[in-house]
């Protein structure tokens, strides 16, 4: 497989070094231990911290900055960060108001963030944790007990980050994140497998006319392996699963995220969004805001996911609030 790699063992470190130089005006990268943090913190503000295995960029490091995350802790590719760098990031961003962890529901992430929270509490740092489990594809997978945390994580990090930026206290932020977890659903499809740098081969095999329906962001299996179909047919199948599981009322407003998995052209993602919009219009669900692009990826996996988050005026105000990160920027 052709990859832009020097030594696979230094892949994450070298990528982070490039990220640090590219965005040195507003982030700093610690290398011992490894984490990414805002270079200018806000005194008295609750710190928002997330993280997980690398390979999903721009999640999470690309969302560190004003109006979103205060720190992100990357592990090796598809591998959870250990408690030590999580604790170091927690110390770095604690401004006396506590730190909220936003954690995708993968067993290693949950356990290691829990351990870091215990160590932080022993040092007198107030930490709260909200686990994100928006994937409707499967109840359990190789990496999780319960539903996986996938692209809905982006929407939660943005909205909670905006609320923290305006000065909300940690109890209110924890309640907001919990509310969002209950209101967001996602589902993904892979039409091509990712190639992991250290192995040099694809993480799973698909036949010439096969897709993986309900894929996870680590390349783990989903609901079924099914024949390839048209874009509209695949979109319908994904959207049906999301709508069937999403709590909603007639006339509900939603934020729609059509997310690429790393190797899908933007033109194809807009084709998917077109069908999502047609279906939601027909169902009487109003698209209040939309985002189309590759934001929560799986290295170079080909495919897409659809995320819906039900919203009200207050949540839309937080979504629209200024943000300045490597991957999301508006209002500043």
Protein backbone atom coordinates (compact mmCIF):
# COMPACT_ATOMS: atom_id res chain seq x y z
CA UNK A 1 0.00 0.00 0.00
CA UNK A 2 1.24 3.50 -0.85
CA UNK A 3 1.15 5.79 2.20
CA UNK A 4 2.90 9.04 3.10
CA UNK A 5 4.82 7.49 6.00
CA UNK A 6 8.43 7.57 7.16
CA UNK A 7 8.67 5.20 10.12
CA UNK A 8 5.22 3.84 11.08
CA UNK A 9 6.32 3.95 14.72
CA UNK A 10 6.69 7.75 14.55
CA UNK A 11 3.63 8.39 12.37
CA UNK A 12 1.52 10.06 15.09
CA UNK A 13 4.41 12.05 16.56
CA UNK A 14 5.47 13.44 13.18
CA UNK A 15 1.90 14.27 12.22
CA UNK A 16 1.43 16.15 15.50
CA UNK A 17 4.67 18.04 14.92
CA UNK A 18 3.29 19.26 11.62
CA UNK A 19 -0.03 20.15 13.22
CA UNK A 20 1.78 22.17 15.89
CA UNK A 21 3.70 24.24 13.35
CA UNK A 22 0.67 24.77 11.12
CA UNK A 23 -1.47 26.12 13.97
CA UNK A 24 1.08 27.54 16.41
CA UNK A 25 -0.88 30.79 16.62
CA UNK A 26 -3.57 29.23 18.81
CA UNK A 27 -2.53 25.71 19.95
CA UNK A 28 0.46 24.15 21.63
CA UNK A 29 1.48 20.51 21.50
CA UNK A 30 3.04 18.74 24.46
CA UNK A 31 5.18 15.73 23.54
CA UNK A 32 6.02 14.28 26.96
CA UNK A 33 3.28 13.32 27.60
CA UNK A 34 1.35 13.92 24.39
CA UNK A 35 -1.61 16.28 24.25
CA UNK A 36 -2.81 19.34 22.33
CA UNK A 37 -4.08 22.41 24.22
CA UNK A 38 -5.18 25.97 23.57
CA UNK A 39 -2.23 28.30 23.85
CA UNK A 40 -4.35 30.97 25.54
CA UNK A 41 -6.70 29.71 28.24
CA UNK A 42 -9.56 31.68 29.78
CA UNK A 43 -9.24 32.25 33.55
CA UNK A 44 -12.19 30.87 35.51
CA UNK A 45 -13.55 28.89 32.56
CA UNK A 46 -14.47 25.20 32.74
CA UNK A 47 -11.98 23.18 30.71
CA UNK A 48 -13.39 20.93 27.98
CA UNK A 49 -11.21 17.90 27.20
CA UNK A 50 -11.69 15.03 24.78
CA UNK A 51 -9.48 12.54 23.00
CA UNK A 52 -9.05 9.05 21.66
CA UNK A 53 -7.04 7.10 19.16
CA UNK A 54 -5.43 8.93 16.25
CA UNK A 55 -6.53 8.27 12.70
CA UNK A 56 -9.84 10.13 12.98
CA UNK A 57 -8.52 13.61 12.22
CA UNK A 58 -9.57 16.34 12.39
CA UNK A 59 -11.28 14.78 15.44
CA UNK A 60 -10.16 15.62 18.16
CA UNK A 61 -7.06 17.77 17.76
CA UNK A 62 -8.60 19.80 14.96
CA UNK A 63 -11.33 21.00 17.34
CA UNK A 64 -9.01 22.54 19.96
CA UNK A 65 -9.41 26.30 20.13
CA UNK A 66 -11.74 29.14 20.99
CA UNK A 67 -15.35 28.04 21.38
CA UNK A 68 -14.65 24.31 21.38
CA UNK A 69 -12.08 22.11 23.15
CA UNK A 70 -9.44 23.33 25.55
CA UNK A 71 -7.41 20.15 25.08
CA UNK A 72 -7.40 16.92 23.10
CA UNK A 73 -5.41 13.80 23.96
CA UNK A 74 -4.45 11.62 20.98
CA UNK A 75 -3.41 8.01 21.35
CA UNK A 76 -1.62 5.97 18.73
CA UNK A 77 -3.63 5.03 15.64
CA UNK A 78 -6.96 3.48 16.70
CA UNK A 79 -5.57 3.14 20.26
CA UNK A 80 -6.88 4.90 23.36
CA UNK A 81 -4.58 7.38 25.13
CA UNK A 82 -3.34 6.24 28.52
CA UNK A 83 -4.33 8.00 31.77
CA UNK A 84 -1.01 9.88 32.14
CA UNK A 85 -1.41 12.26 29.16
CA UNK A 86 -5.11 12.69 29.95
CA UNK A 87 -4.18 13.77 33.48
CA UNK A 88 -1.47 16.07 32.17
CA UNK A 89 -3.94 17.73 29.78
CA UNK A 90 -6.41 18.08 32.65
CA UNK A 91 -3.83 19.85 34.80
CA UNK A 92 -2.85 22.08 31.89
CA UNK A 93 -6.34 23.42 31.22
CA UNK A 94 -7.78 23.54 34.74
CA UNK A 95 -8.56 27.17 35.51
CA UNK A 96 -10.18 26.56 38.87
CA UNK A 97 -13.72 25.86 37.59
CA UNK A 98 -13.29 22.15 36.87
CA UNK A 99 -12.84 20.08 33.74
CA UNK A 100 -15.47 18.26 31.70
CA UNK A 101 -14.45 15.13 29.78
CA UNK A 102 -16.35 14.33 26.57
CA UNK A 103 -15.56 10.68 25.88
CA UNK A 104 -16.56 8.48 22.95
CA UNK A 105 -17.94 5.14 24.11
CA UNK A 106 -15.02 2.84 23.45
CA UNK A 107 -13.92 0.61 26.31
CA UNK A 108 -10.30 1.83 26.42
CA UNK A 109 -11.27 5.49 26.19
CA UNK A 110 -13.85 5.20 28.95
CA UNK A 111 -11.57 3.27 31.33
CA UNK A 112 -8.55 5.52 30.81
CA UNK A 113 -10.49 8.77 31.13
CA UNK A 114 -12.13 7.39 34.30
CA UNK A 115 -8.72 6.58 35.74
CA UNK A 116 -7.42 10.05 34.88
CA UNK A 117 -10.49 11.59 36.53
CA UNK A 118 -9.75 9.67 39.72
CA UNK A 119 -6.14 10.88 39.75
CA UNK A 120 -7.26 14.45 39.09
CA UNK A 121 -9.79 14.30 41.92
CA UNK A 122 -7.01 13.17 44.25
CA UNK A 123 -5.18 16.37 43.29
CA UNK A 124 -8.23 18.50 44.03
CA UNK A 125 -9.36 19.03 40.42
CA UNK A 126 -13.11 18.75 39.86
CA UNK A 127 -13.79 16.48 36.86
CA UNK A 128 -17.06 15.39 35.29
CA UNK A 129 -17.44 12.89 32.45
CA UNK A 130 -20.09 12.46 29.77
CA UNK A 131 -19.89 9.41 27.48
CA UNK A 132 -21.07 9.81 23.87
CA UNK A 133 -22.81 6.84 22.22
CA UNK A 134 -24.56 8.13 19.10
CA UNK A 135 -24.02 5.17 16.73
CA UNK A 136 -27.28 3.34 16.01
CA UNK A 137 -25.59 0.61 13.96
CA UNK A 138 -24.90 -1.93 16.70
CA UNK A 139 -25.44 -2.28 20.42
CA UNK A 140 -21.97 -3.74 20.99
CA UNK A 141 -18.82 -4.14 18.89
CA UNK A 142 -15.22 -5.29 19.22
CA UNK A 143 -14.33 -2.00 20.92
CA UNK A 144 -17.38 -1.23 23.06
CA UNK A 145 -19.89 -2.31 25.63
CA UNK A 146 -22.92 -0.46 24.34
CA UNK A 147 -23.21 1.86 21.37
CA UNK A 148 -20.14 3.44 19.84
CA UNK A 149 -19.32 7.14 19.90
CA UNK A 150 -18.87 8.41 16.35
CA UNK A 151 -19.49 11.59 14.30
CA UNK A 152 -22.07 13.03 16.70
CA UNK A 153 -19.10 13.77 18.95
CA UNK A 154 -18.27 16.78 16.76
CA UNK A 155 -21.68 18.39 17.28
CA UNK A 156 -21.52 17.86 21.03
CA UNK A 157 -17.99 19.26 21.31
CA UNK A 158 -19.03 22.38 19.39
CA UNK A 159 -22.16 23.13 21.39
CA UNK A 160 -20.73 22.32 24.81
CA UNK A 161 -17.56 24.21 23.94
CA UNK A 162 -19.60 27.31 23.11
CA UNK A 163 -21.49 27.07 26.39
CA UNK A 164 -18.21 26.80 28.29
CA UNK A 165 -16.84 29.80 26.40
CA UNK A 166 -19.75 31.98 27.51
CA UNK A 167 -19.05 31.01 31.14
CA UNK A 168 -21.49 28.20 32.00
CA UNK A 169 -20.61 26.29 35.16
CA UNK A 170 -19.64 22.64 35.14
CA UNK A 171 -23.00 21.31 36.40
CA UNK A 172 -24.83 23.08 33.57
CA UNK A 173 -22.28 21.87 31.01
CA UNK A 174 -22.59 18.28 32.19
CA UNK A 175 -26.39 18.51 31.94
CA UNK A 176 -26.15 20.06 28.46
CA UNK A 177 -23.80 17.34 27.20
CA UNK A 178 -26.06 14.63 28.64
CA UNK A 179 -29.06 16.20 26.91
CA UNK A 180 -27.19 16.28 23.60
CA UNK A 181 -26.18 12.64 23.87
CA UNK A 182 -29.86 11.75 24.20
CA UNK A 183 -30.72 13.83 21.12
CA UNK A 184 -28.10 12.79 18.54
CA UNK A 185 -27.92 9.70 16.33
CA UNK A 186 -25.44 8.57 13.65
CA UNK A 187 -24.90 5.74 11.17
CA UNK A 188 -22.10 5.03 8.71
CA UNK A 189 -21.28 2.96 5.63
CA UNK A 190 -17.88 1.85 4.28
CA UNK A 191 -17.31 1.16 0.61
CA UNK A 192 -13.55 0.75 1.08
CA UNK A 193 -11.38 -0.26 4.05
CA UNK A 194 -8.75 1.93 5.76
CA UNK A 195 -5.04 1.10 5.69
CA UNK A 196 -3.36 1.25 9.11
CA UNK A 197 0.22 2.60 8.86
CA UNK A 198 1.89 0.12 11.21
CA UNK A 199 0.39 -2.91 9.48
CA UNK A 200 0.64 -1.67 5.90
CA UNK A 201 -2.56 -3.45 4.94
CA UNK A 202 -6.28 -2.83 4.94
CA UNK A 203 -8.07 -3.48 8.22
CA UNK A 204 -10.72 -5.63 6.55
CA UNK A 205 -11.54 -6.98 3.12
CA UNK A 206 -14.50 -6.12 0.94
CA UNK A 207 -15.48 -7.84 -2.26
CA UNK A 208 -15.67 -5.83 -5.47
CA UNK A 209 -19.42 -5.44 -5.04
CA UNK A 210 -19.64 -5.34 -1.23
CA UNK A 211 -20.04 -2.62 1.39
CA UNK A 212 -20.01 -2.69 5.17
CA UNK A 213 -23.29 -1.25 6.45
CA UNK A 214 -23.09 0.30 9.91
CA UNK A 215 -19.31 0.60 10.10
CA UNK A 216 -17.43 1.92 13.11
CA UNK A 217 -14.69 4.55 12.87
CA UNK A 218 -11.96 1.99 13.63
CA UNK A 219 -12.99 -0.18 10.70
CA UNK A 220 -14.89 -2.55 12.96
CA UNK A 221 -17.82 -4.51 11.61
CA UNK A 222 -21.34 -3.11 11.47
CA UNK A 223 -24.83 -4.50 11.00
CA UNK A 224 -24.28 -6.37 7.77
CA UNK A 225 -22.15 -6.81 4.68
CA UNK A 226 -24.41 -6.09 1.73
CA UNK A 227 -24.16 -5.55 -2.04
CA UNK A 228 -23.13 -2.15 -3.36
CA UNK A 229 -26.07 0.05 -4.34
CA UNK A 230 -26.73 3.55 -5.67
CA UNK A 231 -25.94 6.58 -3.54
CA UNK A 232 -29.63 7.27 -2.93
CA UNK A 233 -30.30 3.68 -1.89
CA UNK A 234 -27.39 3.69 0.57
CA UNK A 235 -28.41 7.09 1.94
CA UNK A 236 -32.01 5.95 2.39
CA UNK A 237 -30.91 2.88 4.30
CA UNK A 238 -28.65 4.89 6.60
CA UNK A 239 -31.20 7.62 7.15
CA UNK A 240 -33.98 5.14 7.88
CA UNK A 241 -31.89 3.66 10.69
CA UNK A 242 -31.12 7.08 12.14
CA UNK A 243 -34.71 8.37 11.94
CA UNK A 244 -36.11 5.18 13.44
CA UNK A 245 -33.96 5.71 16.53
CA UNK A 246 -34.00 9.50 16.87
CA UNK A 247 -36.37 10.99 19.46
CA UNK A 248 -38.33 13.65 17.58
CA UNK A 249 -41.64 15.42 17.24
CA UNK A 250 -43.53 16.54 14.09
CA UNK A 251 -41.84 19.63 12.68
CA UNK A 252 -38.65 18.93 14.62
CA UNK A 253 -35.55 20.93 13.70
CA UNK A 254 -32.21 19.21 13.27
CA UNK A 255 -28.56 19.87 12.59
CA UNK A 256 -27.44 17.52 9.81
CA UNK A 257 -23.85 16.31 9.50
CA UNK A 258 -22.91 14.36 6.38
CA UNK A 259 -19.43 13.16 7.23
CA UNK A 260 -16.79 11.60 5.01
CA UNK A 261 -14.71 8.74 6.38
CA UNK A 262 -11.42 10.02 4.94
CA UNK A 263 -11.31 9.08 1.25
CA UNK A 264 -14.69 10.18 -0.03
CA UNK A 265 -14.77 13.17 -2.42
CA UNK A 266 -16.73 16.16 -1.21
CA UNK A 267 -18.81 16.05 -4.39
CA UNK A 268 -20.08 12.61 -3.36
CA UNK A 269 -20.85 13.85 0.15
CA UNK A 270 -22.99 16.65 -1.25
CA UNK A 271 -24.79 14.07 -3.36
CA UNK A 272 -25.60 12.21 -0.14
CA UNK A 273 -26.69 15.44 1.56
CA UNK A 274 -29.03 16.18 -1.35
CA UNK A 275 -30.85 12.92 -0.70
CA UNK A 276 -30.90 13.46 3.07
CA UNK A 277 -32.48 16.87 2.51
CA UNK A 278 -35.12 15.44 0.16
CA UNK A 279 -36.04 12.76 2.68
CA UNK A 280 -36.19 15.13 5.64
CA UNK A 281 -38.32 17.60 3.71
CA UNK A 282 -40.74 14.81 2.90
CA UNK A 283 -40.82 13.72 6.54
CA UNK A 284 -41.54 17.23 7.79
CA UNK A 285 -38.19 17.50 9.59
CA UNK A 286 -36.63 20.96 9.16
CA UNK A 287 -32.90 21.28 8.53
CA UNK A 288 -31.88 24.16 10.78
CA UNK A 289 -28.13 23.89 10.11
CA UNK A 290 -25.91 21.60 8.05
CA UNK A 291 -22.28 20.58 7.83
CA UNK A 292 -20.78 18.53 4.99
CA UNK A 293 -17.19 17.29 4.91
CA UNK A 294 -14.69 14.85 6.39
CA UNK A 295 -14.57 15.66 10.10
CA UNK A 296 -14.61 12.30 11.92
CA UNK A 297 -12.60 9.97 9.73
CA UNK A 298 -11.08 6.51 9.74
CA UNK A 299 -7.74 7.19 8.04
CA UNK A 300 -8.39 6.61 4.32
CA UNK A 301 -11.65 4.69 4.59
CA UNK A 302 -14.07 5.35 1.76
CA UNK A 303 -17.65 5.90 2.86
CA UNK A 304 -19.88 8.29 4.75
CA UNK A 305 -21.99 8.74 7.85
CA UNK A 306 -25.14 10.73 8.57
CA UNK A 307 -25.75 12.40 11.93
CA UNK A 308 -28.91 14.15 13.09
CA UNK A 309 -29.16 16.26 16.25
CA UNK A 310 -32.53 17.66 17.33
CA UNK A 311 -32.22 21.30 18.38
CA UNK A 312 -34.07 24.33 19.69
CA UNK A 313 -33.26 28.04 19.55
CA UNK A 314 -30.88 27.85 22.48
CA UNK A 315 -28.85 25.03 20.96
CA UNK A 316 -28.74 26.79 17.60
CA UNK A 317 -27.37 29.91 19.28
CA UNK A 318 -24.58 27.79 20.73
CA UNK A 319 -23.92 26.14 17.36
CA UNK A 320 -23.71 29.55 15.70
CA UNK A 321 -21.43 30.99 18.40
CA UNK A 322 -17.90 31.94 17.30
CA UNK A 323 -15.39 29.12 16.92
CA UNK A 324 -11.74 29.22 15.93
CA UNK A 325 -10.08 25.83 15.52
CA UNK A 326 -8.04 24.13 12.83
CA UNK A 327 -11.11 22.42 11.37
CA UNK A 328 -14.06 24.69 12.25
CA UNK A 329 -14.02 28.48 12.03
CA UNK A 330 -16.82 30.97 11.92
CA UNK A 331 -17.91 34.17 13.64
CA UNK A 332 -14.34 35.25 14.45
